[in-house]
Amino acid sequence: MAFAGRRDAPDGPDFTVLKRLARDQLIYLLEQVSAGPGPSPPR
């Protein structure tokens, strides 16, 4: 860590958007699982 002593370094990236996207994806997947298998796609 070359810049460990710097005081003007930012705390780190803001992951708020990523957390929201991950939460939405989790909810979507849970809804898909709880809905059960849908009709099979046409071949």
N, C-alpha and C. Protein backbone atom coordinates (compact mmCIF):
# COMPACT_ATOMS: atom_id res chain seq x y z
N MET A 1 0.85 -1.18 0.00
CA MET A 1 0.00 0.00 0.00
C MET A 1 0.88 1.23 0.00
N ALA A 2 1.05 1.79 -1.14
CA ALA A 2 1.91 2.97 -1.25
C ALA A 2 1.22 4.21 -0.73
N PHE A 3 -0.11 4.26 -0.79
CA PHE A 3 -0.82 5.48 -0.42
C PHE A 3 -1.59 5.32 0.89
N ALA A 4 -1.15 4.40 1.74
CA ALA A 4 -1.89 4.14 2.98
C ALA A 4 -1.87 5.34 3.91
N GLY A 5 -0.83 6.17 3.84
CA GLY A 5 -0.71 7.30 4.74
C GLY A 5 -1.40 8.56 4.25
N ARG A 6 -1.94 8.53 3.05
CA ARG A 6 -2.59 9.74 2.50
C ARG A 6 -3.89 10.03 3.22
N ARG A 7 -4.09 11.29 3.58
CA ARG A 7 -5.32 11.68 4.26
C ARG A 7 -6.37 12.16 3.27
N ASP A 8 -5.95 12.54 2.06
CA ASP A 8 -6.90 13.06 1.08
C ASP A 8 -7.46 11.96 0.17
N ALA A 9 -7.14 10.72 0.48
CA ALA A 9 -7.65 9.62 -0.33
C ALA A 9 -9.13 9.41 -0.01
N PRO A 10 -9.94 9.13 -1.03
CA PRO A 10 -11.36 8.87 -0.79
C PRO A 10 -11.56 7.59 0.01
N ASP A 11 -12.71 7.47 0.65
CA ASP A 11 -13.01 6.29 1.45
C ASP A 11 -13.16 5.05 0.59
N GLY A 12 -13.42 5.23 -0.68
CA GLY A 12 -13.61 4.10 -1.57
C GLY A 12 -14.80 4.37 -2.47
N PRO A 13 -14.99 3.53 -3.45
CA PRO A 13 -16.11 3.74 -4.37
C PRO A 13 -17.45 3.56 -3.68
N ASP A 14 -18.45 4.20 -4.25
CA ASP A 14 -19.80 4.10 -3.70
C ASP A 14 -20.52 2.93 -4.38
N PHE A 15 -20.85 1.93 -3.60
CA PHE A 15 -21.46 0.72 -4.15
C PHE A 15 -22.97 0.72 -4.01
N THR A 16 -23.56 1.90 -3.75
CA THR A 16 -25.00 1.96 -3.53
C THR A 16 -25.77 1.41 -4.73
N VAL A 17 -25.34 1.81 -5.94
CA VAL A 17 -26.05 1.37 -7.14
C VAL A 17 -25.89 -0.14 -7.32
N LEU A 18 -24.68 -0.64 -7.08
CA LEU A 18 -24.46 -2.08 -7.23
C LEU A 18 -25.28 -2.87 -6.21
N LYS A 19 -25.35 -2.35 -4.99
CA LYS A 19 -26.14 -3.04 -3.97
C LYS A 19 -27.61 -3.08 -4.37
N ARG A 20 -28.10 -1.97 -4.92
CA ARG A 20 -29.51 -1.93 -5.34
C ARG A 20 -29.75 -2.92 -6.48
N LEU A 21 -28.82 -2.98 -7.43
CA LEU A 21 -28.97 -3.91 -8.56
C LEU A 21 -28.94 -5.36 -8.07
N ALA A 22 -28.03 -5.65 -7.16
CA ALA A 22 -27.93 -7.02 -6.64
C ALA A 22 -29.21 -7.39 -5.90
N ARG A 23 -29.77 -6.44 -5.15
CA ARG A 23 -31.02 -6.70 -4.43
C ARG A 23 -32.16 -6.96 -5.40
N ASP A 24 -32.22 -6.15 -6.46
CA ASP A 24 -33.27 -6.35 -7.45
C ASP A 24 -33.14 -7.70 -8.14
N GLN A 25 -31.90 -8.09 -8.43
CA GLN A 25 -31.68 -9.38 -9.08
C GLN A 25 -32.10 -10.52 -8.15
N LEU A 26 -31.78 -10.39 -6.86
CA LEU A 26 -32.15 -11.43 -5.91
C LEU A 26 -33.67 -11.56 -5.81
N ILE A 27 -34.36 -10.43 -5.75
CA ILE A 27 -35.82 -10.46 -5.69
C ILE A 27 -36.39 -11.10 -6.94
N TYR A 28 -35.83 -10.74 -8.10
CA TYR A 28 -36.31 -11.31 -9.36
C TYR A 28 -36.14 -12.83 -9.38
N LEU A 29 -34.96 -13.29 -8.97
CA LEU A 29 -34.71 -14.73 -8.96
C LEU A 29 -35.64 -15.45 -7.99
N LEU A 30 -35.85 -14.86 -6.82
CA LEU A 30 -36.75 -15.48 -5.85
C LEU A 30 -38.17 -15.55 -6.40
N GLU A 31 -38.60 -14.51 -7.10
CA GLU A 31 -39.93 -14.53 -7.70
C GLU A 31 -40.03 -15.62 -8.76
N GLN A 32 -38.97 -15.80 -9.54
CA GLN A 32 -38.98 -16.83 -10.57
C GLN A 32 -39.08 -18.22 -9.93
N VAL A 33 -38.34 -18.43 -8.86
CA VAL A 33 -38.34 -19.74 -8.20
C VAL A 33 -39.69 -20.00 -7.55
N SER A 34 -40.24 -19.00 -6.89
CA SER A 34 -41.51 -19.20 -6.18
C SER A 34 -42.67 -19.35 -7.15
N ALA A 35 -42.52 -18.82 -8.36
CA ALA A 35 -43.60 -18.93 -9.35
C ALA A 35 -43.66 -20.35 -9.92
N GLY A 36 -42.59 -21.09 -9.78
CA GLY A 36 -42.58 -22.46 -10.30
C GLY A 36 -42.23 -22.45 -11.79
N PRO A 37 -42.07 -23.62 -12.36
CA PRO A 37 -41.73 -23.70 -13.78
C PRO A 37 -42.88 -23.21 -14.65
N GLY A 38 -42.54 -22.40 -15.60
CA GLY A 38 -43.55 -21.88 -16.52
C GLY A 38 -43.73 -22.84 -17.68
N PRO A 39 -44.48 -22.42 -18.66
CA PRO A 39 -44.64 -23.27 -19.85
C PRO A 39 -43.30 -23.44 -20.56
N SER A 40 -43.08 -24.62 -21.10
CA SER A 40 -41.81 -24.86 -21.77
C SER A 40 -41.76 -24.03 -23.05
N PRO A 41 -40.58 -23.50 -23.37
CA PRO A 41 -40.46 -22.68 -24.57
C PRO A 41 -40.67 -23.51 -25.84
N PRO A 42 -41.20 -22.91 -26.87
CA PRO A 42 -41.40 -23.67 -28.12
C PRO A 42 -40.08 -24.06 -28.73
N ARG A 43 -40.07 -25.20 -29.40
CA ARG A 43 -38.83 -25.66 -30.03
C ARG A 43 -38.91 -25.54 -31.53
